[in-house]
Amino acid sequence: GKGEMEKLKLALNWNQEELEQWATAATKKEEDNLALQKYTRADEMKIKELALSIESLTKLSVEKQAQVENETTETQTRQVELDKTAESFKVQHTERRQLVKQWQETVESMRSRDKEISDISTKYAEAKRLR
């Protein structure tokens, strides 16, 4: 009887120990699950935050790209205008040089005529004096 009782007590002690180990393991597993849920929520928040950041940066990138394209178009337009202005200036400068040359030739021609007139006047006066 007494040996049976010892065996039963020993078995109960073992069962109690196993039960406590199981309870400890279950508690640990529950804590692990809670920690995992906490980290999962934190990760989901971070993912949401990063997704919003990506969306915002993508929008900004698209805006900046449009700005660059507008600036490029504006610059090309200004370059075309500048090229036309330079060409117009070149044409006007050439025309001006031709006009100046023409005036110089006209002035030279007038000087030559003045000299001819002066020479003829002198000869005429000389001829008149000699008569």
N, C-alpha and C. Protein backbone atom coordinates (compact mmCIF):
# COMPACT_ATOMS: atom_id res chain seq x y z
N GLY A 1 0.79 -1.19 0.00
CA GLY A 1 0.00 0.00 0.00
C GLY A 1 0.83 1.24 0.00
N LYS A 2 1.87 1.19 0.87
CA LYS A 2 2.67 2.40 0.99
C LYS A 2 3.48 2.62 -0.29
N GLY A 3 3.99 1.58 -0.92
CA GLY A 3 4.76 1.67 -2.16
C GLY A 3 3.90 2.17 -3.30
N GLU A 4 2.62 1.68 -3.28
CA GLU A 4 1.68 2.13 -4.31
C GLU A 4 1.44 3.62 -4.19
N MET A 5 1.29 4.03 -2.94
CA MET A 5 1.03 5.43 -2.67
C MET A 5 2.21 6.27 -3.13
N GLU A 6 3.44 5.81 -2.87
CA GLU A 6 4.65 6.52 -3.30
C GLU A 6 4.68 6.63 -4.81
N LYS A 7 4.35 5.51 -5.48
CA LYS A 7 4.35 5.51 -6.95
C LYS A 7 3.35 6.54 -7.48
N LEU A 8 2.16 6.51 -6.86
CA LEU A 8 1.10 7.43 -7.29
C LEU A 8 1.54 8.88 -7.06
N LYS A 9 2.14 9.15 -5.89
CA LYS A 9 2.62 10.49 -5.57
C LYS A 9 3.69 10.93 -6.58
N LEU A 10 4.60 9.99 -6.88
CA LEU A 10 5.68 10.28 -7.82
C LEU A 10 5.09 10.59 -9.20
N ALA A 11 4.12 9.77 -9.62
CA ALA A 11 3.47 9.98 -10.92
C ALA A 11 2.77 11.34 -10.94
N LEU A 12 2.08 11.66 -9.83
CA LEU A 12 1.38 12.94 -9.74
C LEU A 12 2.38 14.09 -9.80
N ASN A 13 3.51 13.92 -9.10
CA ASN A 13 4.56 14.94 -9.15
C ASN A 13 5.05 15.13 -10.57
N TRP A 14 5.26 14.02 -11.26
CA TRP A 14 5.69 14.10 -12.66
C TRP A 14 4.65 14.82 -13.49
N ASN A 15 3.38 14.40 -13.29
CA ASN A 15 2.30 15.04 -14.05
C ASN A 15 2.23 16.53 -13.74
N GLN A 16 2.42 16.86 -12.45
CA GLN A 16 2.40 18.26 -12.05
C GLN A 16 3.55 19.01 -12.74
N GLU A 17 4.74 18.40 -12.75
CA GLU A 17 5.90 19.01 -13.39
C GLU A 17 5.67 19.19 -14.88
N GLU A 18 5.13 18.13 -15.52
CA GLU A 18 4.83 18.21 -16.96
C GLU A 18 3.82 19.31 -17.23
N LEU A 19 2.79 19.37 -16.35
CA LEU A 19 1.74 20.38 -16.50
C LEU A 19 2.35 21.78 -16.37
N GLU A 20 3.24 21.95 -15.39
CA GLU A 20 3.88 23.25 -15.21
C GLU A 20 4.77 23.59 -16.40
N GLN A 21 5.52 22.59 -16.90
CA GLN A 21 6.36 22.82 -18.09
C GLN A 21 5.49 23.19 -19.29
N TRP A 22 4.38 22.46 -19.41
CA TRP A 22 3.47 22.74 -20.54
C TRP A 22 2.91 24.16 -20.40
N ALA A 23 2.48 24.52 -19.18
CA ALA A 23 1.93 25.85 -18.93
C ALA A 23 2.99 26.92 -19.22
N THR A 24 4.22 26.66 -18.79
CA THR A 24 5.32 27.60 -19.05
C THR A 24 5.54 27.73 -20.56
N ALA A 25 5.54 26.58 -21.25
CA ALA A 25 5.73 26.59 -22.70
C ALA A 25 4.57 27.32 -23.38
N ALA A 26 3.35 27.07 -22.91
CA ALA A 26 2.17 27.73 -23.51
C ALA A 26 2.25 29.24 -23.29
N THR A 27 2.64 29.64 -22.08
CA THR A 27 2.78 31.06 -21.78
C THR A 27 3.85 31.68 -22.67
N LYS A 28 4.98 30.96 -22.79
CA LYS A 28 6.08 31.44 -23.64
C LYS A 28 5.60 31.58 -25.09
N LYS A 29 4.85 30.56 -25.54
CA LYS A 29 4.35 30.59 -26.92
C LYS A 29 3.39 31.77 -27.11
N GLU A 30 2.52 32.02 -26.12
CA GLU A 30 1.59 33.14 -26.17
C GLU A 30 2.36 34.47 -26.22
N GLU A 31 3.41 34.58 -25.38
CA GLU A 31 4.24 35.78 -25.39
C GLU A 31 4.92 35.96 -26.75
N ASP A 32 5.41 34.83 -27.29
CA ASP A 32 6.04 34.90 -28.62
C ASP A 32 5.04 35.35 -29.67
N ASN A 33 3.81 34.82 -29.61
CA ASN A 33 2.76 35.21 -30.57
C ASN A 33 2.43 36.69 -30.45
N LEU A 34 2.32 37.17 -29.20
CA LEU A 34 2.02 38.59 -28.99
C LEU A 34 3.16 39.46 -29.54
N ALA A 35 4.40 39.04 -29.28
CA ALA A 35 5.55 39.79 -29.79
C ALA A 35 5.53 39.78 -31.32
N LEU A 36 5.23 38.61 -31.88
CA LEU A 36 5.17 38.49 -33.34
C LEU A 36 4.09 39.41 -33.92
N GLN A 37 2.91 39.43 -33.27
CA GLN A 37 1.83 40.32 -33.72
C GLN A 37 2.27 41.79 -33.62
N LYS A 38 2.94 42.12 -32.51
CA LYS A 38 3.42 43.49 -32.32
C LYS A 38 4.39 43.88 -33.45
N TYR A 39 5.34 42.99 -33.73
CA TYR A 39 6.32 43.27 -34.80
C TYR A 39 5.65 43.31 -36.17
N THR A 40 4.66 42.43 -36.36
CA THR A 40 3.92 42.42 -37.64
C THR A 40 3.21 43.76 -37.83
N ARG A 41 2.53 44.23 -36.76
CA ARG A 41 1.84 45.54 -36.85
C ARG A 41 2.85 46.65 -37.13
N ALA A 42 3.99 46.60 -36.44
CA ALA A 42 5.02 47.63 -36.64
C ALA A 42 5.53 47.58 -38.08
N ASP A 43 5.74 46.36 -38.59
CA ASP A 43 6.19 46.22 -39.99
C ASP A 43 5.15 46.75 -40.96
N GLU A 44 3.87 46.43 -40.69
CA GLU A 44 2.80 46.91 -41.57
C GLU A 44 2.74 48.43 -41.57
N MET A 45 2.92 49.03 -40.38
CA MET A 45 2.92 50.50 -40.29
C MET A 45 4.09 51.07 -41.10
N LYS A 46 5.27 50.44 -40.94
CA LYS A 46 6.46 50.90 -41.66
C LYS A 46 6.24 50.76 -43.17
N ILE A 47 5.65 49.64 -43.59
CA ILE A 47 5.37 49.42 -45.02
C ILE A 47 4.43 50.50 -45.54
N LYS A 48 3.37 50.80 -44.75
CA LYS A 48 2.41 51.84 -45.15
C LYS A 48 3.12 53.19 -45.28
N GLU A 49 3.95 53.48 -44.28
CA GLU A 49 4.71 54.74 -44.26
C GLU A 49 5.63 54.83 -45.48
N LEU A 50 6.33 53.75 -45.78
CA LEU A 50 7.23 53.74 -46.93
C LEU A 50 6.46 53.83 -48.24
N ALA A 51 5.29 53.17 -48.31
CA ALA A 51 4.46 53.24 -49.52
C ALA A 51 4.01 54.68 -49.76
N LEU A 52 3.60 55.36 -48.68
CA LEU A 52 3.20 56.77 -48.81
C LEU A 52 4.38 57.63 -49.25
N SER A 53 5.53 57.33 -48.68
CA SER A 53 6.74 58.07 -49.06
C SER A 53 7.06 57.85 -50.53
N ILE A 54 6.97 56.60 -50.98
CA ILE A 54 7.22 56.29 -52.40
C ILE A 54 6.22 57.04 -53.28
N GLU A 55 4.95 57.02 -52.87
CA GLU A 55 3.91 57.72 -53.64
C GLU A 55 4.21 59.21 -53.73
N SER A 56 4.57 59.78 -52.59
CA SER A 56 4.88 61.22 -52.54
C SER A 56 6.10 61.54 -53.40
N LEU A 57 7.15 60.73 -53.28
CA LEU A 57 8.37 60.97 -54.05
C LEU A 57 8.14 60.75 -55.54
N THR A 58 7.30 59.78 -55.87
CA THR A 58 6.97 59.53 -57.28
C THR A 58 6.25 60.74 -57.86
N LYS A 59 5.29 61.26 -57.09
CA LYS A 59 4.55 62.45 -57.53
C LYS A 59 5.51 63.62 -57.73
N LEU A 60 6.41 63.81 -56.76
CA LEU A 60 7.39 64.89 -56.84
C LEU A 60 8.30 64.70 -58.05
N SER A 61 8.70 63.46 -58.28
CA SER A 61 9.57 63.15 -59.42
C SER A 61 8.87 63.48 -60.74
N VAL A 62 7.59 63.12 -60.83
CA VAL A 62 6.81 63.41 -62.05
C VAL A 62 6.71 64.93 -62.25
N GLU A 63 6.45 65.64 -61.14
CA GLU A 63 6.37 67.11 -61.23
C GLU A 63 7.70 67.71 -61.69
N LYS A 64 8.79 67.23 -61.09
CA LYS A 64 10.11 67.75 -61.45
C LYS A 64 10.45 67.42 -62.91
N GLN A 65 10.07 66.22 -63.34
CA GLN A 65 10.32 65.82 -64.73
C GLN A 65 9.56 66.75 -65.68
N ALA A 66 8.30 67.04 -65.33
CA ALA A 66 7.50 67.96 -66.16
C ALA A 66 8.15 69.34 -66.17
N GLN A 67 8.65 69.76 -65.02
CA GLN A 67 9.32 71.06 -64.92
C GLN A 67 10.56 71.09 -65.81
N VAL A 68 11.34 70.01 -65.78
CA VAL A 68 12.54 69.92 -66.61
C VAL A 68 12.15 69.97 -68.09
N GLU A 69 11.09 69.24 -68.46
CA GLU A 69 10.65 69.25 -69.86
C GLU A 69 10.20 70.64 -70.28
N ASN A 70 9.47 71.33 -69.39
CA ASN A 70 9.04 72.70 -69.69
C ASN A 70 10.24 73.62 -69.85
N GLU A 71 11.19 73.51 -68.94
CA GLU A 71 12.40 74.33 -69.02
C GLU A 71 13.17 74.04 -70.31
N THR A 72 13.23 72.76 -70.67
CA THR A 72 13.93 72.37 -71.90
C THR A 72 13.25 72.99 -73.11
N THR A 73 11.92 72.88 -73.15
CA THR A 73 11.15 73.46 -74.26
C THR A 73 11.36 74.97 -74.30
N GLU A 74 11.28 75.60 -73.13
CA GLU A 74 11.47 77.05 -73.02
C GLU A 74 12.87 77.44 -73.52
N THR A 75 13.87 76.67 -73.09
CA THR A 75 15.25 76.94 -73.50
C THR A 75 15.41 76.79 -75.01
N GLN A 76 14.81 75.73 -75.56
CA GLN A 76 14.91 75.51 -77.00
C GLN A 76 14.22 76.65 -77.76
N THR A 77 13.07 77.08 -77.25
CA THR A 77 12.35 78.20 -77.88
C THR A 77 13.22 79.46 -77.85
N ARG A 78 13.82 79.73 -76.68
CA ARG A 78 14.69 80.91 -76.55
C ARG A 78 15.90 80.79 -77.48
N GLN A 79 16.43 79.58 -77.61
CA GLN A 79 17.59 79.37 -78.47
C GLN A 79 17.22 79.66 -79.92
N VAL A 80 16.03 79.20 -80.34
CA VAL A 80 15.57 79.47 -81.71
C VAL A 80 15.43 80.98 -81.91
N GLU A 81 14.82 81.66 -80.92
CA GLU A 81 14.67 83.12 -81.01
C GLU A 81 16.04 83.80 -81.08
N LEU A 82 16.95 83.33 -80.26
CA LEU A 82 18.30 83.90 -80.23
C LEU A 82 19.00 83.69 -81.58
N ASP A 83 18.86 82.49 -82.13
CA ASP A 83 19.46 82.19 -83.44
C ASP A 83 18.87 83.10 -84.52
N LYS A 84 17.54 83.29 -84.49
CA LYS A 84 16.89 84.17 -85.47
C LYS A 84 17.39 85.61 -85.31
N THR A 85 17.50 86.06 -84.05
CA THR A 85 17.98 87.41 -83.78
C THR A 85 19.41 87.57 -84.28
N ALA A 86 20.24 86.57 -84.01
CA ALA A 86 21.64 86.62 -84.46
C ALA A 86 21.70 86.67 -85.99
N GLU A 87 20.88 85.87 -86.64
CA GLU A 87 20.84 85.86 -88.11
C GLU A 87 20.38 87.22 -88.63
N SER A 88 19.33 87.76 -88.01
CA SER A 88 18.82 89.08 -88.40
C SER A 88 19.90 90.15 -88.21
N PHE A 89 20.61 90.10 -87.09
CA PHE A 89 21.69 91.05 -86.82
C PHE A 89 22.77 90.93 -87.89
N LYS A 90 23.11 89.70 -88.23
CA LYS A 90 24.15 89.46 -89.24
C LYS A 90 23.73 90.07 -90.59
N VAL A 91 22.47 89.84 -90.97
CA VAL A 91 21.95 90.39 -92.23
C VAL A 91 21.98 91.92 -92.18
N GLN A 92 21.48 92.49 -91.06
CA GLN A 92 21.46 93.95 -90.94
C GLN A 92 22.87 94.53 -90.92
N HIS A 93 23.78 93.84 -90.29
CA HIS A 93 25.17 94.30 -90.24
C HIS A 93 25.77 94.31 -91.65
N THR A 94 25.49 93.25 -92.40
CA THR A 94 25.98 93.17 -93.79
C THR A 94 25.37 94.30 -94.63
N GLU A 95 24.05 94.51 -94.46
CA GLU A 95 23.38 95.60 -95.20
C GLU A 95 24.00 96.94 -94.82
N ARG A 96 24.26 97.16 -93.53
CA ARG A 96 24.85 98.42 -93.07
C ARG A 96 26.23 98.62 -93.70
N ARG A 97 27.05 97.56 -93.70
CA ARG A 97 28.38 97.67 -94.31
C ARG A 97 28.26 98.03 -95.79
N GLN A 98 27.29 97.41 -96.48
CA GLN A 98 27.10 97.72 -97.90
C GLN A 98 26.66 99.17 -98.08
N LEU A 99 25.76 99.64 -97.19
CA LEU A 99 25.32 101.04 -97.26
C LEU A 99 26.49 102.00 -97.03
N VAL A 100 27.30 101.72 -96.00
CA VAL A 100 28.46 102.57 -95.70
C VAL A 100 29.39 102.59 -96.90
N LYS A 101 29.62 101.42 -97.49
CA LYS A 101 30.50 101.34 -98.67
C LYS A 101 29.91 102.17 -99.82
N GLN A 102 28.58 102.03 -100.00
CA GLN A 102 27.91 102.79 -101.06
C GLN A 102 28.03 104.30 -100.80
N TRP A 103 27.87 104.72 -99.54
CA TRP A 103 28.02 106.14 -99.21
C TRP A 103 29.43 106.61 -99.48
N GLN A 104 30.39 105.79 -99.07
CA GLN A 104 31.80 106.17 -99.29
C GLN A 104 32.07 106.32 -100.79
N GLU A 105 31.52 105.39 -101.57
CA GLU A 105 31.70 105.48 -103.02
C GLU A 105 31.02 106.73 -103.56
N THR A 106 29.82 107.04 -103.03
CA THR A 106 29.10 108.24 -103.47
C THR A 106 29.88 109.50 -103.11
N VAL A 107 30.39 109.56 -101.87
CA VAL A 107 31.19 110.71 -101.43
C VAL A 107 32.43 110.85 -102.31
N GLU A 108 33.09 109.73 -102.59
CA GLU A 108 34.28 109.74 -103.44
C GLU A 108 33.92 110.23 -104.84
N SER A 109 32.80 109.76 -105.34
CA SER A 109 32.33 110.18 -106.67
C SER A 109 32.04 111.68 -106.67
N MET A 110 31.40 112.18 -105.59
CA MET A 110 31.10 113.62 -105.50
C MET A 110 32.39 114.43 -105.44
N ARG A 111 33.39 113.97 -104.70
CA ARG A 111 34.68 114.66 -104.63
C ARG A 111 35.32 114.72 -106.02
N SER A 112 35.25 113.58 -106.70
CA SER A 112 35.81 113.51 -108.05
C SER A 112 35.10 114.50 -108.97
N ARG A 113 33.77 114.56 -108.87
CA ARG A 113 32.99 115.49 -109.70
C ARG A 113 33.31 116.93 -109.32
N ASP A 114 33.40 117.19 -108.00
CA ASP A 114 33.76 118.54 -107.54
C ASP A 114 35.11 118.96 -108.14
N LYS A 115 36.06 118.03 -108.12
CA LYS A 115 37.38 118.33 -108.68
C LYS A 115 37.26 118.61 -110.17
N GLU A 116 36.46 117.75 -110.86
CA GLU A 116 36.27 117.98 -112.31
C GLU A 116 35.66 119.35 -112.55
N ILE A 117 34.62 119.67 -111.74
CA ILE A 117 33.96 120.97 -111.90
C ILE A 117 34.96 122.10 -111.61
N SER A 118 35.74 121.94 -110.56
CA SER A 118 36.74 122.95 -110.20
C SER A 118 37.76 123.11 -111.32
N ASP A 119 38.23 121.96 -111.85
CA ASP A 119 39.20 122.01 -112.95
C ASP A 119 38.60 122.72 -114.17
N ILE A 120 37.37 122.35 -114.49
CA ILE A 120 36.71 122.95 -115.66
C ILE A 120 36.52 124.45 -115.42
N SER A 121 36.11 124.82 -114.17
CA SER A 121 35.93 126.25 -113.85
C SER A 121 37.24 127.00 -114.01
N THR A 122 38.31 126.41 -113.53
CA THR A 122 39.63 127.04 -113.64
C THR A 122 39.98 127.22 -115.12
N LYS A 123 39.80 126.14 -115.90
CA LYS A 123 40.11 126.22 -117.34
C LYS A 123 39.21 127.26 -118.02
N TYR A 124 37.94 127.29 -117.62
CA TYR A 124 37.01 128.25 -118.21
C TYR A 124 37.44 129.68 -117.88
N ALA A 125 37.79 129.89 -116.61
CA ALA A 125 38.23 131.23 -116.19
C ALA A 125 39.51 131.61 -116.92
N GLU A 126 40.42 130.65 -117.07
CA GLU A 126 41.68 130.89 -117.77
C GLU A 126 41.40 131.24 -119.23
N ALA A 127 40.49 130.46 -119.83
CA ALA A 127 40.16 130.68 -121.24
C ALA A 127 39.49 132.03 -121.41
N LYS A 128 38.62 132.39 -120.47
CA LYS A 128 37.90 133.66 -120.54
C LYS A 128 38.89 134.81 -120.38
N ARG A 129 39.87 134.65 -119.52
CA ARG A 129 40.86 135.68 -119.27
C ARG A 129 41.73 135.91 -120.51
N LEU A 130 42.00 134.81 -121.18
CA LEU A 130 42.87 134.91 -122.34
C LEU A 130 42.14 135.51 -123.54
N ARG A 131 40.94 135.60 -123.58
CA ARG A 131 40.20 136.12 -124.74
C ARG A 131 40.32 137.55 -124.88
